[in-house]
Amino acid sequence: MALSLSNFLLPLALLLSSTARCATVTYDFDVGWTYANPDGQRTRPVMGINGQWPIPPIVATKGDQVIVNVKNSLGNESTSLHFHGLYMNGTSHMDGVIAVTQCGIPPGSSFTYNFTVDQPGTYWYHTHERGQYPDGLRGPLIIHDPEDPHQDLYDEEIVLTLSDWYHDLMHGLLASFMSVANPSGAEPVPQAALFNDTQDLAVRVEPGKTYLFRMVNMGAFAAQYVWFEEHTMRIVEVDGVYTEPMEADMIYLTAAQRCSVLVTAKNDTSANFAFVGSMDQDLFDAVPDGLNPNVTGWLVYDDSKEKPAPKLIDAFEPFDDFELVPYDQEELLDRVDHSITLDLKMDNLADGANYAFFNDITYVHPKVPTLYTVLSTGPNATNPIIYGENTNAFVLAQNQVIEIILNNDDPGKHPFHLHGHAFQVITRSPDDAGFYDPANTPEPPSTPMRRDTILVRPNGHTVLRFRSDNPGVWLFHCHIEWHVASGLVATIVESPLAVQAQLMDSIPSDHWDVCAAAGVPTQGNAAGNVGDLADLRGANVAPGRIPDGFTARGIVALVFSCISALVGLAVIGWYGFKPV
C-alpha cells in the first residue's frame, strides 16, 4: 500500500513536537545542617539544602530529563535521595534506597541522580537512609502534564505539604525506640503538625477561582485528616494516578500518600475560612498532655478580615478512597500468575527490643546492596536465597500479574508503599476482619482504585495487584519510619536477568565511588561471598529469638537485673581494692 507524504509528515511532526517539549532540568543540592523552629516551640538542627530549610521543591514536566547533583556536607551522616512514587522505568539504580539500589553517600562525597520522568502527578522526594527524613530532608516533587485531563477545571495550583514534627533528632529517638527499655514498641509521638513546614499558613484566594491543591503527607508517623471549612473538595488524583472527579468534605492522608483536590472559591470576600490538618491520634500509644494534634491554615479572601479559629467537629468522617475510579479506566487484573502472602506482626527478639516481621522475618539490610547482587551473580540472580535470610526477598518473572495478600496481625494501622509501581487495590477489609479469606470476600471493583501507598486496617487485610513490567529491585514497606527501622520491609527482585541486560554496563562510576568511600562491597551475595553464592556466612542477621517461656517483660527484667548485678559487682570490687 502506498503511503502519502502527509502520512509520513504527521507522525514526524508529532514526534518533533514531543521532543521539543522535553527539557533537561538540573538541580545542584548541597545537603548540610542548618537550624529551624517551624512550630515556634524549639529551635533545632535540620537537614537543609544549599543552606536553606524548608528544602526546595523539584518541579519538572512529563518527558523531562531530571538531573540532581547531590553533595553530602552533613559531616556526620551518610545520605541519599529517593523520588517517592516515580517508577524509574529502566533506571532502577536511581531509586535512591541505601543497601538496596546504592550505597549511602558518605560525608564529603557526591552522587548524581539522572532519570527521565514519564509520569505526571504529585510526588515527593526524601532521604532513604535509616530514620533520617524526619530530620528535614524531604520535599515535594511535582511533574506537570501538558495533557492533564483536568487542566480546564482549575485556574491555579497550590502545593500543600503536611507533616508531623519532632523536637529531637532522630538518632536519639531511634535509640530509645529500638531499646530493651521500650519492649512494647511504642513509637515516639510528634510534638506538632505542620502545613508547608510551618503553622498558621495563609493561602490567598480570589473569588470564583478554582484551585488545584496538591497535598502531600511527608510525615514520619502520623496520618492526617484534612478539610476546608465551608468548601467542598473534588478529588482528581491520588499518588500520581488521575481519577474521575469525586466530591469529599474530608480526606485522610497516611504518611507518604498524596491527593490532588479541586477547591472552588466563593464569589464574595466577606470572610476568610480555616482549613485544618488533624493528626490521627489512634496511632499514638499515649497522647501527651497538652499535645495539639491540629494545624490550621486559612483561605484568605481579604487580608483585612480576621482569620477565624476552626470550628469543632463531632467526628472524623473521611471520604473512602476505595471508591475512587482511575480516569484511564484500567480494568481489574483478574488472572493472577503469582501470589505473595505477607503476614505482619510485631514481636520482641532476644535483645529485648520490639521488631516488625513479615512471615516471621524482620528485615536486616544486606552487606552488598541488593541491586549489585543482581548484577554480579549471573544466572544465580533468580535464586532468592542469595539475597539473604533477612531481606524478605521475592523474585518475580517478567510481565506477570502479581498479587500481594497482606494480613495485618497487629492492632495498629500501617501505610504500605511499593516502589517501582502503582497497584490496584482489590480488597481492603475493615478493622478486625482478620486474615484474608478468598471464599469470604466481596467481588472486587471492575476498575479498582490504583495508587502506590495504601492503609491496612488494624487486624485487617488488603489485597493488591500489579503487573511485573518494570525490571528492578523494589522495596515494599510500611511508611511509618519507626516501622521501617524495626524491619517491616520486603524486597521485590523483579526480572533480575532483564535488570542485568539493562544495567550491566550503565552503572555510573559515582555508584562505585561512594561504596568504596564507605567500605561497602559491591559483588556477591548478601554476605559479600562471591564463590559459593549459597554461602551466607557473615551476612547481617537479626538478633536471636526470645527463649521459650520468656516474655518481653521478662527479658527486660532479666537484662536490667544483669546490669544491676554487674554494677553491684563493680562497686564491691572498687570498694575491696580501695586503700585502707
Protein backbone atom coordinates (compact mmCIF):
# COMPACT_ATOMS: atom_id res chain seq x y z
CA MET A 1 0.00 0.00 0.00
CA ALA A 2 1.41 3.38 -0.98
CA LEU A 3 1.97 5.99 1.75
CA SER A 4 1.30 9.66 1.06
CA LEU A 5 3.73 12.36 2.18
CA SER A 6 1.16 13.52 4.76
CA ASN A 7 1.08 10.02 6.26
CA PHE A 8 4.81 10.37 6.92
CA LEU A 9 4.97 14.01 7.95
CA LEU A 10 2.19 13.93 10.58
CA PRO A 11 3.85 11.32 12.85
CA LEU A 12 7.20 13.07 12.32
CA ALA A 13 5.69 16.41 13.33
CA LEU A 14 4.15 14.86 16.43
CA LEU A 15 7.50 13.29 17.35
CA LEU A 16 9.37 16.56 16.88
CA SER A 17 6.73 18.44 18.86
CA SER A 18 7.03 15.93 21.70
CA THR A 19 10.83 16.13 21.62
CA ALA A 20 10.75 19.93 21.62
CA ARG A 21 8.64 19.95 24.79
CA CYS A 22 11.15 17.82 26.69
CA ALA A 23 13.88 19.57 28.62
CA THR A 24 16.75 18.80 30.95
CA VAL A 25 16.04 20.03 34.46
CA THR A 26 19.10 20.21 36.71
CA TYR A 27 19.30 20.70 40.46
CA ASP A 28 22.52 21.16 42.43
CA PHE A 29 21.87 20.17 46.03
CA ASP A 30 24.42 20.66 48.80
CA VAL A 31 22.93 18.79 51.78
CA GLY A 32 24.01 20.15 55.16
CA TRP A 33 22.85 21.08 58.64
CA THR A 34 21.05 24.31 59.43
CA TYR A 35 18.56 25.37 62.13
CA ALA A 36 14.79 25.85 62.15
CA ASN A 37 11.85 26.36 64.51
CA PRO A 38 8.76 25.65 62.40
CA ASP A 39 6.25 25.33 65.25
CA GLY A 40 7.65 28.20 67.29
CA GLN A 41 8.42 25.92 70.23
CA ARG A 42 12.06 24.88 69.83
CA THR A 43 14.95 25.67 67.51
CA ARG A 44 16.70 22.51 66.43
CA PRO A 45 19.19 21.28 63.80
CA VAL A 46 17.58 20.28 60.49
CA MET A 47 18.89 18.88 57.22
CA GLY A 48 18.71 21.63 54.64
CA ILE A 49 19.73 22.07 51.02
CA ASN A 50 22.07 24.87 49.94
CA GLY A 51 21.84 26.34 53.43
CA GLN A 52 18.04 26.62 53.33
CA TRP A 53 15.13 24.88 55.03
CA PRO A 54 12.40 24.09 54.07
CA ILE A 55 14.13 22.45 51.14
CA PRO A 56 13.15 23.42 47.58
CA PRO A 57 10.58 21.52 45.52
CA ILE A 58 11.67 19.55 42.47
CA VAL A 59 9.50 20.59 39.52
CA ALA A 60 9.56 19.15 36.00
CA THR A 61 7.26 18.30 33.09
CA LYS A 62 6.37 14.85 31.85
CA GLY A 63 9.10 13.71 29.45
CA ASP A 64 11.85 15.82 31.02
CA GLN A 65 15.26 14.51 31.95
CA VAL A 66 15.91 15.28 35.62
CA ILE A 67 19.45 15.56 36.95
CA VAL A 68 20.02 16.02 40.68
CA ASN A 69 23.62 16.54 41.73
CA VAL A 70 23.95 15.80 45.46
CA LYS A 71 26.89 16.76 47.65
CA ASN A 72 26.85 15.46 51.22
CA SER A 73 28.06 18.22 53.55
CA LEU A 74 26.38 16.82 56.67
CA GLY A 75 29.75 15.89 58.14
CA ASN A 76 28.42 13.15 60.39
CA GLU A 77 25.87 11.13 58.39
CA SER A 78 25.58 9.37 55.05
CA THR A 79 22.51 10.13 52.97
CA SER A 80 20.66 9.52 49.69
CA LEU A 81 17.61 10.78 47.80
CA HIS A 82 14.60 8.66 46.86
CA PHE A 83 11.98 10.05 44.48
CA HIS A 84 8.85 8.66 46.02
CA GLY A 85 6.28 7.37 43.55
CA LEU A 86 8.41 7.61 40.41
CA TYR A 87 8.65 4.21 38.73
CA MET A 88 12.19 4.77 37.43
CA ASN A 89 11.49 2.62 34.36
CA GLY A 90 14.83 1.43 33.00
CA THR A 91 16.77 3.35 35.67
CA SER A 92 16.10 1.36 38.85
CA HIS A 93 19.65 2.21 40.00
CA MET A 94 18.37 5.77 40.54
CA ASP A 95 15.74 4.79 43.12
CA GLY A 96 17.95 6.05 45.94
CA VAL A 97 17.47 3.32 48.56
CA ILE A 98 20.59 2.65 50.62
CA ALA A 99 21.65 -1.02 50.74
CA VAL A 100 19.12 -1.78 48.01
CA THR A 101 19.93 0.22 44.85
CA GLN A 102 23.02 2.11 46.01
CA CYS A 103 25.42 2.70 48.86
CA GLY A 104 24.93 5.67 51.11
CA ILE A 105 26.62 8.91 50.08
CA PRO A 106 29.26 9.41 52.80
CA PRO A 107 30.09 12.87 54.18
CA GLY A 108 32.23 14.74 51.67
CA SER A 109 31.14 12.59 48.71
CA SER A 110 28.91 13.45 45.76
CA PHE A 111 26.38 11.49 43.71
CA THR A 112 24.27 12.26 40.63
CA TYR A 113 20.72 11.07 40.03
CA ASN A 114 19.81 11.10 36.34
CA PHE A 115 16.45 9.84 35.08
CA THR A 116 13.58 10.68 32.74
CA VAL A 117 10.10 11.25 34.14
CA ASP A 118 7.39 9.63 32.04
CA GLN A 119 4.55 10.01 34.55
CA PRO A 120 2.81 13.19 35.68
CA GLY A 121 1.41 13.88 39.12
CA THR A 122 2.11 14.75 42.73
CA TYR A 123 5.11 13.09 44.38
CA TRP A 124 7.80 13.89 46.90
CA TYR A 125 11.47 13.19 47.50
CA HIS A 126 13.25 12.22 50.68
CA THR A 127 16.35 10.57 52.00
CA HIS A 128 16.18 6.78 52.30
CA GLU A 129 18.82 6.48 54.99
CA ARG A 130 17.58 4.79 58.17
CA GLY A 131 15.32 7.11 60.16
CA GLN A 132 16.68 10.24 58.52
CA TYR A 133 13.99 12.14 56.63
CA PRO A 134 12.06 13.35 59.73
CA ASP A 135 15.14 15.50 60.42
CA GLY A 136 14.04 17.63 57.46
CA LEU A 137 15.38 16.12 54.24
CA ARG A 138 12.03 15.78 52.45
CA GLY A 139 10.18 17.98 49.97
CA PRO A 140 7.52 17.98 47.22
CA LEU A 141 8.17 16.75 43.69
CA ILE A 142 5.69 17.93 41.05
CA ILE A 143 5.54 16.62 37.48
CA HIS A 144 3.33 18.76 35.25
CA ASP A 145 1.35 17.34 32.37
CA PRO A 146 0.59 19.23 29.13
CA GLU A 147 -2.21 16.69 28.61
CA ASP A 148 -3.72 16.80 32.10
CA PRO A 149 -7.35 15.72 31.57
CA HIS A 150 -8.46 18.06 34.37
CA GLN A 151 -6.47 21.15 33.40
CA ASP A 152 -9.57 23.02 32.15
CA LEU A 153 -11.21 22.62 35.57
CA TYR A 154 -8.86 24.88 37.56
CA ASP A 155 -7.19 28.28 37.34
CA GLU A 156 -4.15 27.87 39.60
CA GLU A 157 -2.40 25.18 41.60
CA ILE A 158 -1.10 25.23 45.16
CA VAL A 159 1.25 22.72 46.77
CA LEU A 160 0.25 21.89 50.34
CA THR A 161 2.52 19.59 52.35
CA LEU A 162 1.52 18.01 55.65
CA SER A 163 3.99 16.66 58.15
CA ASP A 164 4.47 15.72 61.76
CA TRP A 165 7.32 17.37 63.64
CA TYR A 166 9.69 16.19 66.37
CA HIS A 167 11.75 18.49 68.57
CA ASP A 168 14.54 15.92 68.97
CA LEU A 169 16.93 14.45 66.42
CA MET A 170 16.16 11.02 65.05
CA HIS A 171 19.33 9.28 66.24
CA GLY A 172 18.36 9.71 69.87
CA LEU A 173 14.71 8.91 69.25
CA LEU A 174 15.59 5.74 67.32
CA ALA A 175 17.94 4.58 70.05
CA SER A 176 15.17 4.93 72.63
CA PHE A 177 12.56 3.35 70.35
CA MET A 178 14.64 0.27 69.41
CA SER A 179 15.56 -0.44 73.01
CA VAL A 180 15.12 -3.03 75.74
CA ALA A 181 13.57 -0.17 77.73
CA ASN A 182 10.71 0.01 75.16
CA PRO A 183 9.59 -3.62 74.84
CA SER A 184 6.09 -2.69 73.64
CA GLY A 185 7.48 -0.79 70.64
CA ALA A 186 5.64 2.43 71.50
CA GLU A 187 6.51 4.96 68.80
CA PRO A 188 7.64 8.48 69.77
CA VAL A 189 4.74 10.90 69.45
CA PRO A 190 5.40 14.07 67.42
CA GLN A 191 5.21 17.45 69.09
CA ALA A 192 3.35 19.25 66.28
CA ALA A 193 1.69 19.09 62.89
CA LEU A 194 2.76 21.38 60.05
CA PHE A 195 1.45 22.78 56.76
CA ASN A 196 4.25 23.64 54.31
CA ASP A 197 6.72 23.20 57.19
CA THR A 198 5.13 25.98 59.21
CA GLN A 199 1.99 26.84 61.15
CA ASP A 200 -0.70 29.49 60.63
CA LEU A 201 -0.36 29.24 56.85
CA ALA A 202 -2.27 31.85 54.85
CA VAL A 203 -3.27 30.97 51.27
CA ARG A 204 -4.59 33.89 49.23
CA VAL A 205 -7.57 33.07 47.01
CA GLU A 206 -9.70 35.09 44.60
CA PRO A 207 -13.49 34.88 44.40
CA GLY A 208 -14.82 32.39 41.89
CA LYS A 209 -11.48 30.83 41.01
CA THR A 210 -10.84 27.11 41.26
CA TYR A 211 -7.59 25.91 42.79
CA LEU A 212 -5.84 22.57 42.44
CA PHE A 213 -4.40 21.74 45.86
CA ARG A 214 -1.60 19.18 45.51
CA MET A 215 -1.43 17.66 49.00
CA VAL A 216 1.48 15.53 50.19
CA ASN A 217 1.81 13.87 53.59
CA MET A 218 5.57 13.93 54.24
CA GLY A 219 5.17 12.78 57.85
CA ALA A 220 7.23 10.10 59.56
CA PHE A 221 4.35 8.65 61.54
CA ALA A 222 1.03 10.47 61.70
CA ALA A 223 -1.74 10.23 59.16
CA GLN A 224 -3.83 13.38 58.94
CA TYR A 225 -7.46 14.22 58.39
CA VAL A 226 -7.82 17.29 56.15
CA TRP A 227 -10.81 19.53 55.48
CA PHE A 228 -11.62 23.04 54.22
CA GLU A 229 -14.37 24.72 56.20
CA GLU A 230 -17.46 25.54 54.10
CA HIS A 231 -15.71 24.39 50.92
CA THR A 232 -16.07 21.07 49.12
CA MET A 233 -13.15 19.21 47.60
CA ARG A 234 -13.20 17.28 44.34
CA ILE A 235 -10.55 14.57 44.21
CA VAL A 236 -8.86 14.31 40.79
CA GLU A 237 -5.58 12.50 41.53
CA VAL A 238 -4.09 10.16 44.11
CA ASP A 239 -0.44 9.08 44.18
CA GLY A 240 0.14 10.19 40.58
CA VAL A 241 -2.97 8.44 39.22
CA TYR A 242 -5.70 10.63 37.71
CA THR A 243 -9.18 9.80 38.99
CA GLU A 244 -12.71 10.54 37.96
CA PRO A 245 -13.63 13.65 40.00
CA MET A 246 -15.37 12.75 43.24
CA GLU A 247 -16.58 15.11 45.96
CA ALA A 248 -15.29 14.90 49.52
CA ASP A 249 -15.78 17.00 52.64
CA MET A 250 -12.81 15.42 54.43
CA ILE A 251 -9.92 13.24 53.31
CA TYR A 252 -7.49 11.00 55.17
CA LEU A 253 -3.84 11.01 54.11
CA THR A 254 -1.49 8.43 55.57
CA ALA A 255 2.23 9.03 55.73
CA ALA A 256 3.55 9.12 52.12
CA GLN A 257 0.16 9.43 50.38
CA ARG A 258 -0.71 12.26 48.01
CA CYS A 259 -4.04 13.63 46.90
CA SER A 260 -4.91 16.44 44.49
CA VAL A 261 -8.24 18.17 45.00
CA LEU A 262 -10.13 21.00 43.33
CA VAL A 263 -11.45 23.73 45.64
CA THR A 264 -13.61 26.49 44.18
CA ALA A 265 -13.54 29.81 45.99
CA LYS A 266 -16.74 31.55 46.99
CA ASN A 267 -17.97 34.50 45.00
CA ASP A 268 -17.58 37.08 47.76
CA THR A 269 -14.89 38.31 50.13
CA SER A 270 -16.95 38.72 53.28
CA ALA A 271 -14.97 36.18 55.32
CA ASN A 272 -11.86 34.04 55.46
CA PHE A 273 -12.07 30.31 56.14
CA ALA A 274 -9.91 27.86 58.06
CA PHE A 275 -8.59 24.62 56.68
CA VAL A 276 -7.29 22.01 59.08
CA GLY A 277 -4.93 19.05 59.28
CA SER A 278 -5.52 16.82 62.31
CA MET A 279 -3.13 14.02 63.23
CA ASP A 280 -4.77 10.62 63.68
CA GLN A 281 -4.26 10.04 67.40
CA ASP A 282 -5.36 6.41 67.10
CA LEU A 283 -1.76 5.78 66.03
CA PHE A 284 -0.32 7.04 69.31
CA ASP A 285 0.12 4.60 72.22
CA ALA A 286 -0.38 7.51 74.60
CA VAL A 287 -1.31 11.12 73.90
CA PRO A 288 0.95 13.51 75.83
CA ASP A 289 -0.73 16.16 77.95
CA GLY A 290 -1.05 19.43 76.09
CA LEU A 291 -0.45 17.97 72.61
CA ASN A 292 -2.18 20.00 69.90
CA PRO A 293 -2.82 17.45 67.13
CA ASN A 294 -4.09 20.08 64.72
CA VAL A 295 -2.50 22.53 62.31
CA THR A 296 -4.59 25.34 60.86
CA GLY A 297 -4.30 27.35 57.69
CA TRP A 298 -6.66 29.85 56.08
CA LEU A 299 -8.16 30.55 52.70
CA VAL A 300 -7.67 34.31 52.76
CA TYR A 301 -10.17 36.28 50.69
CA ASP A 302 -9.47 39.58 52.44
CA ASP A 303 -6.31 40.38 54.44
CA SER A 304 -8.15 42.95 56.49
CA LYS A 305 -10.60 40.45 57.92
CA GLU A 306 -9.97 38.06 60.81
CA LYS A 307 -8.67 34.55 60.43
CA PRO A 308 -11.25 32.64 62.46
CA ALA A 309 -10.41 29.71 64.69
CA PRO A 310 -11.54 26.39 63.19
CA LYS A 311 -14.89 25.08 64.30
CA LEU A 312 -15.21 21.98 66.42
CA ILE A 313 -16.34 18.85 64.60
CA ASP A 314 -18.34 15.96 66.02
CA ALA A 315 -16.44 13.13 64.37
CA PHE A 316 -13.85 12.32 61.72
CA GLU A 317 -15.72 11.02 58.68
CA PRO A 318 -13.28 11.00 55.74
CA PHE A 319 -14.02 10.04 52.17
CA ASP A 320 -13.35 6.36 51.47
CA ASP A 321 -10.66 6.31 48.79
CA PHE A 322 -11.57 2.72 47.89
CA GLU A 323 -14.45 4.29 45.91
CA LEU A 324 -12.13 6.18 43.56
CA VAL A 325 -12.08 5.20 39.89
CA PRO A 326 -8.93 5.75 37.79
CA TYR A 327 -9.50 8.16 34.92
CA ASP A 328 -7.89 5.75 32.45
CA GLN A 329 -10.45 3.07 33.39
CA GLU A 330 -7.79 0.37 33.75
CA GLU A 331 -9.65 -2.88 34.23
CA LEU A 332 -9.18 -5.38 37.01
CA LEU A 333 -6.12 -7.61 36.63
CA ASP A 334 -8.12 -10.79 37.03
CA ARG A 335 -5.71 -13.57 36.11
CA VAL A 336 -3.11 -13.83 38.85
CA ASP A 337 0.16 -15.51 37.84
CA HIS A 338 1.98 -15.28 41.17
CA SER A 339 0.65 -14.61 44.66
CA ILE A 340 2.69 -13.47 47.66
CA THR A 341 1.25 -13.67 51.16
CA LEU A 342 2.77 -11.40 53.82
CA ASP A 343 1.66 -11.91 57.41
CA LEU A 344 2.54 -8.88 59.52
CA LYS A 345 3.24 -8.97 63.24
CA MET A 346 5.21 -7.12 65.91
CA ASP A 347 7.24 -9.06 68.48
CA ASN A 348 10.37 -8.97 70.61
CA LEU A 349 13.75 -10.52 69.96
CA ALA A 350 16.48 -11.59 72.36
CA ASP A 351 17.87 -8.07 72.81
CA GLY A 352 14.52 -7.10 74.35
CA ALA A 353 13.61 -4.58 71.63
CA ASN A 354 10.39 -4.72 69.63
CA TYR A 355 10.65 -5.64 65.94
CA ALA A 356 8.31 -5.85 62.96
CA PHE A 357 8.00 -9.01 60.88
CA PHE A 358 6.73 -10.31 57.57
CA ASN A 359 6.24 -14.06 57.74
CA ASP A 360 8.30 -14.18 60.96
CA ILE A 361 11.26 -12.44 59.28
CA THR A 362 12.38 -8.94 60.25
CA TYR A 363 14.31 -7.07 57.57
CA VAL A 364 18.05 -6.54 58.04
CA HIS A 365 19.91 -4.84 55.21
CA PRO A 366 22.47 -6.96 53.32
CA LYS A 367 26.20 -6.25 53.20
CA VAL A 368 26.03 -5.93 49.41
CA PRO A 369 23.27 -3.66 48.06
CA THR A 370 20.69 -5.97 46.53
CA LEU A 371 20.90 -4.45 43.05
CA TYR A 372 24.64 -5.14 42.98
CA THR A 373 23.98 -8.74 43.96
CA VAL A 374 21.64 -8.96 40.96
CA LEU A 375 24.31 -7.53 38.65
CA SER A 376 27.20 -9.67 39.91
CA THR A 377 25.69 -13.15 40.19
CA GLY A 378 24.82 -14.06 36.59
CA PRO A 379 22.12 -16.73 36.23
CA ASN A 380 22.08 -17.25 40.01
CA ALA A 381 20.31 -13.89 40.33
CA THR A 382 16.99 -15.73 40.01
CA ASN A 383 17.65 -17.63 43.26
CA PRO A 384 16.05 -15.75 46.22
CA ILE A 385 18.44 -17.46 48.67
CA ILE A 386 21.40 -15.33 47.62
CA TYR A 387 19.68 -12.12 48.78
CA GLY A 388 19.90 -13.16 52.43
CA GLU A 389 17.78 -14.69 55.15
CA ASN A 390 16.61 -11.34 56.48
CA THR A 391 15.71 -9.37 53.36
CA ASN A 392 12.31 -10.98 52.68
CA ALA A 393 13.31 -11.34 49.02
CA PHE A 394 10.78 -12.41 46.39
CA VAL A 395 11.96 -12.99 42.80
CA LEU A 396 9.38 -12.19 40.12
CA ALA A 397 9.25 -13.25 36.49
CA GLN A 398 8.69 -10.63 33.81
CA ASN A 399 5.27 -9.36 32.74
CA GLN A 400 3.16 -11.40 35.13
CA VAL A 401 0.18 -10.34 37.23
CA ILE A 402 1.43 -10.28 40.81
CA GLU A 403 -0.85 -10.39 43.82
CA ILE A 404 0.20 -9.33 47.33
CA ILE A 405 -2.03 -10.55 50.15
CA LEU A 406 -1.20 -8.56 53.26
CA ASN A 407 -2.57 -9.81 56.58
CA ASN A 408 -2.19 -7.41 59.50
CA ASP A 409 -1.92 -9.38 62.74
CA ASP A 410 -1.42 -6.16 64.70
CA PRO A 411 -3.84 -3.68 66.32
CA GLY A 412 -2.18 -0.73 64.55
CA LYS A 413 -2.77 0.99 61.20
CA HIS A 414 0.01 0.61 58.63
CA PRO A 415 0.54 2.59 55.38
CA PHE A 416 2.33 0.38 52.84
CA HIS A 417 4.26 1.68 49.86
CA LEU A 418 5.52 -0.22 46.80
CA HIS A 419 8.50 1.19 44.91
CA GLY A 420 8.54 0.96 41.12
CA HIS A 421 4.79 0.50 40.64
CA ALA A 422 1.27 1.63 41.37
CA PHE A 423 -1.01 -1.23 42.37
CA GLN A 424 -4.68 -1.97 42.07
CA VAL A 425 -6.44 -2.21 45.43
CA ILE A 426 -8.53 -5.36 45.04
CA THR A 427 -9.74 -5.79 48.60
CA ARG A 428 -9.40 -3.76 51.76
CA SER A 429 -11.05 -5.01 54.90
CA PRO A 430 -12.47 -3.03 57.82
CA ASP A 431 -10.91 -3.19 61.29
CA ASP A 432 -10.65 -6.59 62.99
CA ALA A 433 -11.65 -8.58 59.90
CA GLY A 434 -8.76 -10.99 60.37
CA PHE A 435 -6.74 -12.69 57.65
CA TYR A 436 -7.85 -12.72 54.03
CA ASP A 437 -10.27 -15.48 53.08
CA PRO A 438 -10.89 -15.63 49.32
CA ALA A 439 -14.10 -17.57 49.95
CA ASN A 440 -15.47 -14.79 52.12
CA THR A 441 -14.71 -11.51 50.40
CA PRO A 442 -16.72 -9.14 48.18
CA GLU A 443 -16.29 -9.09 44.44
CA PRO A 444 -13.51 -6.63 43.52
CA PRO A 445 -14.36 -3.50 41.51
CA SER A 446 -14.15 -3.82 37.74
CA THR A 447 -11.93 -0.70 37.65
CA PRO A 448 -10.14 -0.72 41.02
CA MET A 449 -8.54 2.27 42.67
CA ARG A 450 -4.85 2.44 41.84
CA ARG A 451 -2.14 4.09 43.93
CA ASP A 452 1.30 3.36 45.41
CA THR A 453 0.60 3.74 49.15
CA ILE A 454 -2.33 2.11 50.96
CA LEU A 455 -3.51 1.95 54.57
CA VAL A 456 -4.05 -1.52 56.02
CA ARG A 457 -6.61 -1.52 58.81
CA PRO A 458 -5.92 -2.82 62.35
CA ASN A 459 -6.13 -6.64 62.46
CA GLY A 460 -7.38 -6.49 58.90
CA HIS A 461 -6.09 -7.26 55.42
CA THR A 462 -5.69 -5.93 51.92
CA VAL A 463 -5.07 -7.50 48.51
CA LEU A 464 -3.05 -5.64 45.87
CA ARG A 465 -2.21 -6.46 42.26
CA PHE A 466 0.25 -5.09 39.72
CA ARG A 467 1.99 -6.23 36.55
CA SER A 468 5.70 -7.06 36.77
CA ASP A 469 6.60 -4.90 33.78
CA ASN A 470 9.38 -2.83 35.38
CA PRO A 471 12.61 -4.79 35.97
CA GLY A 472 14.44 -3.66 39.09
CA VAL A 473 14.86 -4.10 42.82
CA TRP A 474 11.92 -2.55 44.63
CA LEU A 475 11.02 -2.35 48.30
CA PHE A 476 7.56 -2.98 49.72
CA HIS A 477 7.43 -1.46 53.18
CA CYS A 478 5.42 0.30 55.83
CA HIS A 479 5.98 4.04 55.51
CA ILE A 480 5.88 4.74 59.23
CA GLU A 481 9.57 5.46 59.68
CA TRP A 482 9.68 3.73 63.06
CA HIS A 483 8.44 0.52 61.45
CA VAL A 484 10.98 0.69 58.63
CA ALA A 485 13.67 0.86 61.31
CA SER A 486 12.14 -2.11 63.10
CA GLY A 487 12.11 -4.26 59.96
CA LEU A 488 8.70 -4.04 58.26
CA VAL A 489 10.20 -4.37 54.78
CA ALA A 490 10.16 -6.87 51.90
CA THR A 491 12.36 -6.89 48.79
CA ILE A 492 10.92 -7.41 45.30
CA VAL A 493 13.57 -8.59 42.84
CA GLU A 494 11.77 -8.16 39.55
CA SER A 495 13.05 -9.84 36.38
CA PRO A 496 16.69 -9.96 37.56
CA LEU A 497 18.10 -11.20 34.24
CA ALA A 498 16.38 -8.31 32.47
CA VAL A 499 17.95 -5.97 35.03
CA GLN A 500 21.34 -7.36 34.09
CA ALA A 501 20.63 -6.74 30.40
CA GLN A 502 19.52 -3.16 31.13
CA LEU A 503 22.18 -2.04 33.56
CA MET A 504 25.27 -4.25 33.39
CA ASP A 505 27.32 -1.65 31.55
CA SER A 506 25.49 1.53 32.54
CA ILE A 507 26.02 1.97 36.28
CA PRO A 508 27.76 5.36 36.68
CA SER A 509 31.15 5.49 38.38
CA ASP A 510 29.86 7.52 41.32
CA HIS A 511 27.88 4.45 42.43
CA TRP A 512 31.12 2.54 42.89
CA ASP A 513 32.95 5.58 44.27
CA VAL A 514 30.58 6.09 47.21
CA CYS A 515 30.68 2.38 48.01
CA ALA A 516 34.47 2.45 48.02
CA ALA A 517 34.47 5.54 50.24
CA ALA A 518 32.14 3.79 52.69
CA GLY A 519 33.94 0.44 52.51
CA VAL A 520 30.85 -1.39 51.23
CA PRO A 521 31.34 -4.47 48.98
CA THR A 522 29.60 -4.46 45.60
CA GLN A 523 29.81 -8.07 44.43
CA GLY A 524 28.47 -11.40 45.53
CA ASN A 525 25.56 -12.49 47.69
CA ALA A 526 24.06 -10.69 50.69
CA ALA A 527 27.12 -11.64 52.75
CA GLY A 528 29.58 -10.45 50.12
CA ASN A 529 30.62 -14.02 49.24
CA VAL A 530 31.49 -14.41 45.56
CA GLY A 531 32.41 -18.11 45.40
CA ASP A 532 29.62 -20.24 46.79
CA LEU A 533 26.67 -17.89 46.41
CA ALA A 534 24.55 -20.07 48.70
CA ASP A 535 27.06 -19.49 51.49
CA LEU A 536 25.60 -16.71 53.63
CA ARG A 537 28.09 -16.96 56.47
CA GLY A 538 28.98 -13.47 57.64
CA ALA A 539 25.72 -11.90 56.48
CA ASN A 540 23.91 -9.31 58.57
CA VAL A 541 21.23 -11.06 60.64
CA ALA A 542 18.62 -10.16 63.23
CA PRO A 543 19.07 -10.71 66.97
CA GLY A 544 18.11 -14.19 68.15
CA ARG A 545 14.69 -15.32 69.26
CA ILE A 546 13.49 -14.99 72.83
CA PRO A 547 13.90 -18.38 74.59
CA ASP A 548 10.73 -20.37 75.11
CA GLY A 549 8.99 -19.42 78.31
CA PHE A 550 10.27 -15.83 78.35
CA THR A 551 8.11 -12.79 77.71
CA ALA A 552 9.27 -9.37 76.59
CA ARG A 553 8.66 -8.07 80.09
CA GLY A 554 10.72 -10.93 81.46
CA ILE A 555 13.58 -10.15 79.08
CA VAL A 556 13.56 -6.53 80.23
CA ALA A 557 13.61 -7.60 83.87
CA LEU A 558 16.44 -10.07 83.16
CA VAL A 559 18.54 -7.52 81.28
CA PHE A 560 18.17 -4.85 83.94
CA SER A 561 18.82 -7.41 86.67
CA CYS A 562 22.06 -8.38 84.94
CA ILE A 563 23.04 -4.73 84.54
CA SER A 564 22.29 -4.09 88.21
CA ALA A 565 24.28 -7.16 89.21
CA LEU A 566 27.28 -6.08 87.16
CA VAL A 567 27.13 -2.57 88.60
CA GLY A 568 26.91 -4.05 92.09
CA LEU A 569 29.92 -6.31 91.49
CA ALA A 570 31.87 -3.36 90.12
CA VAL A 571 31.09 -1.31 93.22
CA ILE A 572 32.10 -4.20 95.51
CA GLY A 573 35.31 -4.67 93.57
CA TRP A 574 36.13 -0.98 93.69
CA TYR A 575 35.44 -0.91 97.43
CA GLY A 576 37.56 -4.01 98.02
CA PHE A 577 40.56 -2.56 96.23
CA LYS A 578 40.18 0.85 97.82
CA PRO A 579 43.22 1.70 100.02
CA VAL A 580 42.52 1.44 103.77
